Amino acid sequence: MAYASADQRVLGYLGRALSLELSAVQLYSTQARLTATWGLTEAAERLRTEAREEMGHVERIIARLLALGAAPNASQLRPVRLGANLEALLQEDQSFEQELVQLYTEAAGHCARQGDHDSRLFFATLLEEEREHARELAAWIEELKRPAATSGS
């Protein structure tokens, strides 16, 4: 189905992005369920929101692959890593978000070097959204470390 004109490296980046974003959906959904069992209702809702946002990325990546004439194929989902408490979960999330930031940085750079403005813009937009997720996670972790913080926020 892939068109001969589609840059194979761009398709590779999109395939890796699809696998990672689907892994993120699985991670955040699992963590939401786990935190709900811990009675951390607010945290569970925030993690559900993250899962929905990552699913939005999945849908956009699939649309981009189809627009380039390639069939979506998430090759491998990452195993979910959990923690003993909310802070440990969020630290895992931070590490995962950094991996997405690195991927989108590399992909946007490749597209810029190739003169593929549309793909560069696509990856740059995802990059900024993942950077924002990383900032939000860092702020949440800091919030948990404050003495007056409640365990569910």
N, C-alpha and C. Protein backbone atom coordinates (compact mmCIF):
# COMPACT_ATOMS: atom_id res chain seq x y z
N MET A 1 0.80 -1.19 0.00
CA MET A 1 0.00 0.00 0.00
C MET A 1 0.85 1.27 0.00
N ALA A 2 2.09 1.20 0.50
CA ALA A 2 2.93 2.40 0.58
C ALA A 2 3.27 2.93 -0.80
N TYR A 3 3.20 4.23 -0.92
CA TYR A 3 3.56 4.88 -2.16
C TYR A 3 5.07 4.91 -2.28
N ALA A 4 5.57 4.82 -3.51
CA ALA A 4 7.00 4.84 -3.73
C ALA A 4 7.62 6.15 -3.24
N SER A 5 6.85 7.24 -3.24
CA SER A 5 7.39 8.54 -2.87
C SER A 5 7.46 8.77 -1.36
N ALA A 6 6.87 7.90 -0.57
CA ALA A 6 6.90 8.07 0.88
C ALA A 6 8.30 7.78 1.40
N ASP A 7 8.84 8.71 2.18
CA ASP A 7 10.16 8.55 2.79
C ASP A 7 10.09 7.39 3.78
N GLN A 8 10.90 6.39 3.58
CA GLN A 8 10.87 5.19 4.43
C GLN A 8 11.26 5.50 5.87
N ARG A 9 12.14 6.47 6.07
CA ARG A 9 12.50 6.83 7.45
C ARG A 9 11.33 7.51 8.15
N VAL A 10 10.59 8.35 7.41
CA VAL A 10 9.40 8.98 7.99
C VAL A 10 8.40 7.90 8.37
N LEU A 11 8.20 6.94 7.50
CA LEU A 11 7.28 5.84 7.81
C LEU A 11 7.78 5.05 9.02
N GLY A 12 9.09 4.89 9.14
CA GLY A 12 9.66 4.22 10.30
C GLY A 12 9.41 4.99 11.59
N TYR A 13 9.60 6.30 11.52
CA TYR A 13 9.32 7.13 12.70
C TYR A 13 7.84 7.05 13.08
N LEU A 14 6.98 7.08 12.08
CA LEU A 14 5.55 6.99 12.35
C LEU A 14 5.19 5.63 12.96
N GLY A 15 5.79 4.56 12.47
CA GLY A 15 5.54 3.23 13.03
C GLY A 15 6.00 3.13 14.47
N ARG A 16 7.19 3.67 14.77
CA ARG A 16 7.68 3.67 16.16
C ARG A 16 6.80 4.53 17.04
N ALA A 17 6.38 5.69 16.49
CA ALA A 17 5.49 6.57 17.26
C ALA A 17 4.18 5.88 17.58
N LEU A 18 3.63 5.15 16.61
CA LEU A 18 2.38 4.45 16.84
C LEU A 18 2.54 3.41 17.96
N SER A 19 3.62 2.66 17.91
CA SER A 19 3.86 1.67 18.97
C SER A 19 4.01 2.33 20.34
N LEU A 20 4.76 3.42 20.40
CA LEU A 20 4.96 4.10 21.68
C LEU A 20 3.68 4.76 22.19
N GLU A 21 2.93 5.38 21.30
CA GLU A 21 1.70 6.05 21.74
C GLU A 21 0.66 5.02 22.20
N LEU A 22 0.56 3.89 21.51
CA LEU A 22 -0.35 2.83 21.98
C LEU A 22 0.13 2.28 23.32
N SER A 23 1.44 2.19 23.49
CA SER A 23 1.99 1.76 24.78
C SER A 23 1.64 2.77 25.86
N ALA A 24 1.67 4.05 25.52
CA ALA A 24 1.31 5.10 26.49
C ALA A 24 -0.16 5.00 26.88
N VAL A 25 -1.03 4.71 25.92
CA VAL A 25 -2.45 4.53 26.23
C VAL A 25 -2.61 3.38 27.22
N GLN A 26 -1.93 2.28 26.96
CA GLN A 26 -1.98 1.12 27.84
C GLN A 26 -1.43 1.47 29.23
N LEU A 27 -0.32 2.19 29.26
CA LEU A 27 0.31 2.57 30.53
C LEU A 27 -0.61 3.45 31.37
N TYR A 28 -1.12 4.53 30.77
CA TYR A 28 -1.95 5.45 31.53
C TYR A 28 -3.28 4.82 31.93
N SER A 29 -3.84 4.00 31.07
CA SER A 29 -5.09 3.33 31.41
C SER A 29 -4.90 2.38 32.59
N THR A 30 -3.80 1.64 32.57
CA THR A 30 -3.50 0.72 33.67
C THR A 30 -3.25 1.49 34.97
N GLN A 31 -2.50 2.55 34.87
CA GLN A 31 -2.22 3.35 36.06
C GLN A 31 -3.50 4.00 36.61
N ALA A 32 -4.38 4.42 35.72
CA ALA A 32 -5.64 5.00 36.18
C ALA A 32 -6.43 3.98 36.98
N ARG A 33 -6.49 2.76 36.49
CA ARG A 33 -7.22 1.70 37.19
C ARG A 33 -6.55 1.41 38.53
N LEU A 34 -5.21 1.32 38.53
CA LEU A 34 -4.48 1.02 39.76
C LEU A 34 -4.69 2.12 40.80
N THR A 35 -4.56 3.38 40.41
CA THR A 35 -4.73 4.46 41.37
C THR A 35 -6.17 4.53 41.87
N ALA A 36 -7.12 4.16 41.04
CA ALA A 36 -8.52 4.10 41.50
C ALA A 36 -8.66 3.05 42.60
N THR A 37 -7.98 1.91 42.45
CA THR A 37 -8.05 0.88 43.49
C THR A 37 -7.39 1.35 44.77
N TRP A 38 -6.43 2.28 44.66
CA TRP A 38 -5.78 2.84 45.85
C TRP A 38 -6.64 3.93 46.49
N GLY A 39 -7.77 4.26 45.86
CA GLY A 39 -8.64 5.31 46.38
C GLY A 39 -8.21 6.71 45.98
N LEU A 40 -7.31 6.82 45.02
CA LEU A 40 -6.81 8.12 44.55
C LEU A 40 -7.63 8.57 43.34
N THR A 41 -8.85 8.99 43.61
CA THR A 41 -9.82 9.30 42.56
C THR A 41 -9.34 10.40 41.62
N GLU A 42 -8.81 11.48 42.18
CA GLU A 42 -8.35 12.59 41.35
C GLU A 42 -7.19 12.16 40.45
N ALA A 43 -6.25 11.41 41.01
CA ALA A 43 -5.12 10.92 40.23
C ALA A 43 -5.60 9.99 39.12
N ALA A 44 -6.55 9.13 39.44
CA ALA A 44 -7.09 8.21 38.43
C ALA A 44 -7.70 8.98 37.28
N GLU A 45 -8.43 10.04 37.57
CA GLU A 45 -9.05 10.83 36.51
C GLU A 45 -8.00 11.55 35.67
N ARG A 46 -6.98 12.06 36.30
CA ARG A 46 -5.90 12.73 35.55
C ARG A 46 -5.21 11.73 34.62
N LEU A 47 -4.99 10.52 35.10
CA LEU A 47 -4.34 9.50 34.27
C LEU A 47 -5.26 9.05 33.13
N ARG A 48 -6.57 8.98 33.39
CA ARG A 48 -7.52 8.67 32.31
C ARG A 48 -7.47 9.75 31.23
N THR A 49 -7.37 10.99 31.66
CA THR A 49 -7.26 12.10 30.70
C THR A 49 -6.00 11.96 29.86
N GLU A 50 -4.90 11.59 30.50
CA GLU A 50 -3.65 11.36 29.76
C GLU A 50 -3.82 10.24 28.73
N ALA A 51 -4.49 9.17 29.12
CA ALA A 51 -4.73 8.06 28.19
C ALA A 51 -5.52 8.54 26.98
N ARG A 52 -6.54 9.36 27.22
CA ARG A 52 -7.35 9.89 26.11
C ARG A 52 -6.52 10.79 25.20
N GLU A 53 -5.65 11.61 25.79
CA GLU A 53 -4.79 12.48 24.98
C GLU A 53 -3.85 11.65 24.12
N GLU A 54 -3.28 10.61 24.70
CA GLU A 54 -2.38 9.75 23.93
C GLU A 54 -3.14 9.01 22.83
N MET A 55 -4.39 8.65 23.10
CA MET A 55 -5.21 8.01 22.06
C MET A 55 -5.45 8.98 20.91
N GLY A 56 -5.58 10.25 21.22
CA GLY A 56 -5.69 11.26 20.17
C GLY A 56 -4.45 11.28 19.29
N HIS A 57 -3.28 11.10 19.91
CA HIS A 57 -2.04 11.02 19.13
C HIS A 57 -2.06 9.79 18.23
N VAL A 58 -2.53 8.67 18.77
CA VAL A 58 -2.62 7.43 17.99
C VAL A 58 -3.47 7.68 16.74
N GLU A 59 -4.62 8.30 16.93
CA GLU A 59 -5.52 8.53 15.80
C GLU A 59 -4.88 9.44 14.76
N ARG A 60 -4.15 10.46 15.21
CA ARG A 60 -3.48 11.35 14.26
C ARG A 60 -2.36 10.64 13.51
N ILE A 61 -1.62 9.78 14.20
CA ILE A 61 -0.55 9.04 13.54
C ILE A 61 -1.13 8.08 12.50
N ILE A 62 -2.20 7.41 12.85
CA ILE A 62 -2.85 6.51 11.89
C ILE A 62 -3.31 7.29 10.67
N ALA A 63 -3.92 8.45 10.88
CA ALA A 63 -4.37 9.28 9.76
C ALA A 63 -3.19 9.70 8.89
N ARG A 64 -2.07 10.05 9.52
CA ARG A 64 -0.88 10.45 8.75
C ARG A 64 -0.34 9.28 7.94
N LEU A 65 -0.26 8.11 8.55
CA LEU A 65 0.20 6.92 7.82
C LEU A 65 -0.70 6.65 6.61
N LEU A 66 -2.00 6.70 6.82
CA LEU A 66 -2.93 6.46 5.71
C LEU A 66 -2.77 7.52 4.62
N ALA A 67 -2.57 8.77 5.02
CA ALA A 67 -2.38 9.84 4.04
C ALA A 67 -1.12 9.62 3.21
N LEU A 68 -0.12 8.97 3.82
CA LEU A 68 1.12 8.66 3.10
C LEU A 68 1.02 7.35 2.33
N GLY A 69 -0.13 6.69 2.42
CA GLY A 69 -0.34 5.44 1.69
C GLY A 69 0.19 4.21 2.38
N ALA A 70 0.41 4.30 3.68
CA ALA A 70 0.94 3.16 4.43
C ALA A 70 -0.10 2.65 5.42
N ALA A 71 -0.13 1.34 5.58
CA ALA A 71 -1.03 0.74 6.55
C ALA A 71 -0.39 0.84 7.94
N PRO A 72 -1.16 1.26 8.94
CA PRO A 72 -0.63 1.32 10.30
C PRO A 72 -0.24 -0.06 10.79
N ASN A 73 0.88 -0.12 11.49
CA ASN A 73 1.34 -1.40 12.01
C ASN A 73 2.18 -1.15 13.26
N ALA A 74 1.53 -1.17 14.40
CA ALA A 74 2.25 -1.03 15.66
C ALA A 74 2.94 -2.36 15.91
N SER A 75 4.25 -2.35 15.86
CA SER A 75 4.99 -3.61 15.89
C SER A 75 5.15 -4.19 17.29
N GLN A 76 5.20 -3.31 18.31
CA GLN A 76 5.45 -3.85 19.64
C GLN A 76 4.97 -2.87 20.70
N LEU A 77 4.17 -3.37 21.62
CA LEU A 77 3.77 -2.56 22.77
C LEU A 77 4.78 -2.78 23.89
N ARG A 78 5.09 -1.75 24.61
CA ARG A 78 5.99 -1.84 25.76
C ARG A 78 5.25 -2.45 26.93
N PRO A 79 5.94 -3.22 27.73
CA PRO A 79 5.31 -3.72 28.95
C PRO A 79 5.03 -2.54 29.88
N VAL A 80 3.96 -2.64 30.63
CA VAL A 80 3.60 -1.60 31.59
C VAL A 80 4.49 -1.75 32.82
N ARG A 81 5.08 -0.64 33.23
CA ARG A 81 5.87 -0.63 34.47
C ARG A 81 5.06 0.12 35.51
N LEU A 82 4.90 -0.50 36.64
CA LEU A 82 4.12 0.10 37.71
C LEU A 82 5.05 0.49 38.86
N GLY A 83 4.50 1.11 39.86
CA GLY A 83 5.26 1.49 41.04
C GLY A 83 4.44 1.25 42.29
N ALA A 84 5.08 1.40 43.42
CA ALA A 84 4.42 1.14 44.69
C ALA A 84 3.56 2.29 45.17
N ASN A 85 3.73 3.47 44.54
CA ASN A 85 2.94 4.63 44.94
C ASN A 85 2.79 5.57 43.74
N LEU A 86 2.03 6.63 43.94
CA LEU A 86 1.75 7.55 42.84
C LEU A 86 3.02 8.20 42.31
N GLU A 87 3.90 8.62 43.19
CA GLU A 87 5.13 9.27 42.73
C GLU A 87 5.96 8.32 41.86
N ALA A 88 6.06 7.07 42.24
CA ALA A 88 6.81 6.10 41.44
C ALA A 88 6.17 5.91 40.07
N LEU A 89 4.84 5.89 40.01
CA LEU A 89 4.15 5.79 38.72
C LEU A 89 4.48 6.99 37.84
N LEU A 90 4.43 8.16 38.42
CA LEU A 90 4.68 9.38 37.65
C LEU A 90 6.13 9.47 37.17
N GLN A 91 7.04 8.94 37.95
CA GLN A 91 8.44 8.91 37.50
C GLN A 91 8.60 7.99 36.30
N GLU A 92 7.89 6.86 36.30
CA GLU A 92 7.89 5.98 35.12
C GLU A 92 7.32 6.73 33.91
N ASP A 93 6.24 7.47 34.15
CA ASP A 93 5.61 8.24 33.08
C ASP A 93 6.56 9.28 32.51
N GLN A 94 7.28 9.94 33.39
CA GLN A 94 8.24 10.95 32.96
C GLN A 94 9.30 10.35 32.04
N SER A 95 9.79 9.20 32.41
CA SER A 95 10.79 8.51 31.59
C SER A 95 10.20 8.16 30.22
N PHE A 96 8.97 7.69 30.22
CA PHE A 96 8.30 7.32 28.97
C PHE A 96 8.09 8.55 28.09
N GLU A 97 7.66 9.65 28.69
CA GLU A 97 7.44 10.88 27.92
C GLU A 97 8.75 11.37 27.31
N GLN A 98 9.86 11.22 28.04
CA GLN A 98 11.15 11.63 27.50
C GLN A 98 11.52 10.82 26.27
N GLU A 99 11.15 9.57 26.26
CA GLU A 99 11.41 8.73 25.08
C GLU A 99 10.62 9.24 23.88
N LEU A 100 9.38 9.64 24.12
CA LEU A 100 8.57 10.21 23.04
C LEU A 100 9.15 11.53 22.56
N VAL A 101 9.59 12.36 23.49
CA VAL A 101 10.22 13.64 23.12
C VAL A 101 11.43 13.39 22.25
N GLN A 102 12.25 12.43 22.63
CA GLN A 102 13.46 12.12 21.85
C GLN A 102 13.08 11.64 20.44
N LEU A 103 12.10 10.76 20.34
CA LEU A 103 11.68 10.26 19.04
C LEU A 103 11.18 11.39 18.15
N TYR A 104 10.32 12.25 18.69
CA TYR A 104 9.75 13.34 17.89
C TYR A 104 10.80 14.39 17.54
N THR A 105 11.79 14.58 18.39
CA THR A 105 12.89 15.49 18.08
C THR A 105 13.68 14.96 16.89
N GLU A 106 14.02 13.67 16.94
CA GLU A 106 14.76 13.05 15.84
C GLU A 106 13.95 13.08 14.54
N ALA A 107 12.67 12.76 14.64
CA ALA A 107 11.83 12.71 13.45
C ALA A 107 11.68 14.10 12.82
N ALA A 108 11.43 15.11 13.65
CA ALA A 108 11.29 16.47 13.12
C ALA A 108 12.60 16.93 12.48
N GLY A 109 13.72 16.60 13.11
CA GLY A 109 15.03 16.95 12.54
C GLY A 109 15.27 16.29 11.20
N HIS A 110 14.94 15.02 11.11
CA HIS A 110 15.10 14.30 9.84
C HIS A 110 14.26 14.97 8.75
N CYS A 111 13.01 15.26 9.08
CA CYS A 111 12.11 15.87 8.09
C CYS A 111 12.60 17.24 7.66
N ALA A 112 13.15 18.01 8.61
CA ALA A 112 13.70 19.33 8.27
C ALA A 112 14.86 19.19 7.30
N ARG A 113 15.76 18.24 7.56
CA ARG A 113 16.90 18.01 6.67
C ARG A 113 16.46 17.56 5.28
N GLN A 114 15.35 16.82 5.21
CA GLN A 114 14.86 16.32 3.93
C GLN A 114 13.99 17.34 3.20
N GLY A 115 13.65 18.43 3.87
CA GLY A 115 12.79 19.43 3.27
C GLY A 115 11.32 19.02 3.24
N ASP A 116 10.96 18.08 4.11
CA ASP A 116 9.57 17.61 4.20
C ASP A 116 8.85 18.44 5.25
N HIS A 117 8.36 19.60 4.82
CA HIS A 117 7.76 20.55 5.75
C HIS A 117 6.52 19.98 6.45
N ASP A 118 5.67 19.29 5.70
CA ASP A 118 4.44 18.76 6.30
C ASP A 118 4.73 17.75 7.40
N SER A 119 5.64 16.83 7.14
CA SER A 119 5.98 15.84 8.17
C SER A 119 6.72 16.48 9.33
N ARG A 120 7.59 17.46 9.04
CA ARG A 120 8.29 18.17 10.11
C ARG A 120 7.29 18.85 11.04
N LEU A 121 6.32 19.51 10.45
CA LEU A 121 5.29 20.19 11.24
C LEU A 121 4.47 19.18 12.05
N PHE A 122 4.14 18.04 11.44
CA PHE A 122 3.39 16.98 12.13
C PHE A 122 4.15 16.53 13.38
N PHE A 123 5.44 16.20 13.20
CA PHE A 123 6.23 15.72 14.33
C PHE A 123 6.50 16.83 15.34
N ALA A 124 6.72 18.06 14.87
CA ALA A 124 6.97 19.17 15.78
C ALA A 124 5.76 19.44 16.66
N THR A 125 4.57 19.28 16.13
CA THR A 125 3.36 19.48 16.92
C THR A 125 3.25 18.41 18.00
N LEU A 126 3.48 17.15 17.63
CA LEU A 126 3.48 16.07 18.63
C LEU A 126 4.57 16.30 19.67
N LEU A 127 5.73 16.77 19.22
CA LEU A 127 6.84 17.04 20.12
C LEU A 127 6.44 18.06 21.18
N GLU A 128 5.82 19.15 20.76
CA GLU A 128 5.43 20.17 21.73
C GLU A 128 4.38 19.64 22.71
N GLU A 129 3.46 18.83 22.22
CA GLU A 129 2.44 18.25 23.11
C GLU A 129 3.08 17.31 24.12
N GLU A 130 4.06 16.52 23.70
CA GLU A 130 4.73 15.61 24.64
C GLU A 130 5.60 16.38 25.62
N ARG A 131 6.22 17.46 25.16
CA ARG A 131 6.98 18.30 26.09
C ARG A 131 6.06 18.88 27.16
N GLU A 132 4.87 19.28 26.75
CA GLU A 132 3.89 19.80 27.71
C GLU A 132 3.48 18.72 28.71
N HIS A 133 3.27 17.48 28.21
CA HIS A 133 2.97 16.36 29.12
C HIS A 133 4.10 16.20 30.14
N ALA A 134 5.34 16.26 29.66
CA ALA A 134 6.50 16.10 30.55
C ALA A 134 6.53 17.21 31.60
N ARG A 135 6.24 18.45 31.20
CA ARG A 135 6.20 19.56 32.16
C ARG A 135 5.10 19.35 33.20
N GLU A 136 3.94 18.89 32.74
CA GLU A 136 2.83 18.64 33.66
C GLU A 136 3.18 17.54 34.66
N LEU A 137 3.83 16.50 34.17
CA LEU A 137 4.24 15.41 35.07
C LEU A 137 5.25 15.91 36.10
N ALA A 138 6.21 16.70 35.67
CA ALA A 138 7.22 17.24 36.59
C ALA A 138 6.53 18.10 37.66
N ALA A 139 5.57 18.91 37.25
CA ALA A 139 4.85 19.75 38.20
C ALA A 139 4.05 18.90 39.18
N TRP A 140 3.44 17.83 38.69
CA TRP A 140 2.65 16.94 39.54
C TRP A 140 3.55 16.27 40.57
N ILE A 141 4.72 15.81 40.14
CA ILE A 141 5.66 15.18 41.07
C ILE A 141 6.09 16.18 42.13
N GLU A 142 6.38 17.40 41.72
CA GLU A 142 6.76 18.44 42.69
C GLU A 142 5.63 18.71 43.67
N GLU A 143 4.41 18.72 43.15
CA GLU A 143 3.22 18.94 44.00
C GLU A 143 3.13 17.84 45.07
N LEU A 144 3.41 16.61 44.67
CA LEU A 144 3.36 15.49 45.63
C LEU A 144 4.44 15.59 46.70
N LYS A 145 5.54 16.22 46.37
CA LYS A 145 6.65 16.32 47.32
C LYS A 145 6.44 17.41 48.36
N ARG A 146 5.53 18.34 48.08
CA ARG A 146 5.26 19.41 49.05
C ARG A 146 4.61 18.82 50.30
N PRO A 147 5.00 19.30 51.47
CA PRO A 147 4.48 18.76 52.73
C PRO A 147 2.96 18.81 52.84
N ALA A 148 2.31 19.84 52.32
CA ALA A 148 0.86 19.97 52.45
C ALA A 148 0.11 19.22 51.36
N ALA A 149 0.83 18.58 50.45
CA ALA A 149 0.16 17.89 49.34
C ALA A 149 -0.64 16.70 49.85
N THR A 150 -1.77 16.47 49.19
CA THR A 150 -2.56 15.27 49.51
C THR A 150 -2.12 14.16 48.58
N SER A 151 -2.29 12.96 48.99
CA SER A 151 -1.80 11.82 48.20
C SER A 151 -2.55 11.61 46.91
N GLY A 152 -3.72 12.19 46.72
CA GLY A 152 -4.49 11.92 45.50
C GLY A 152 -4.42 13.00 44.48
N SER A 153 -3.71 14.10 44.72
CA SER A 153 -3.70 15.20 43.75
C SER A 153 -2.51 15.20 42.85
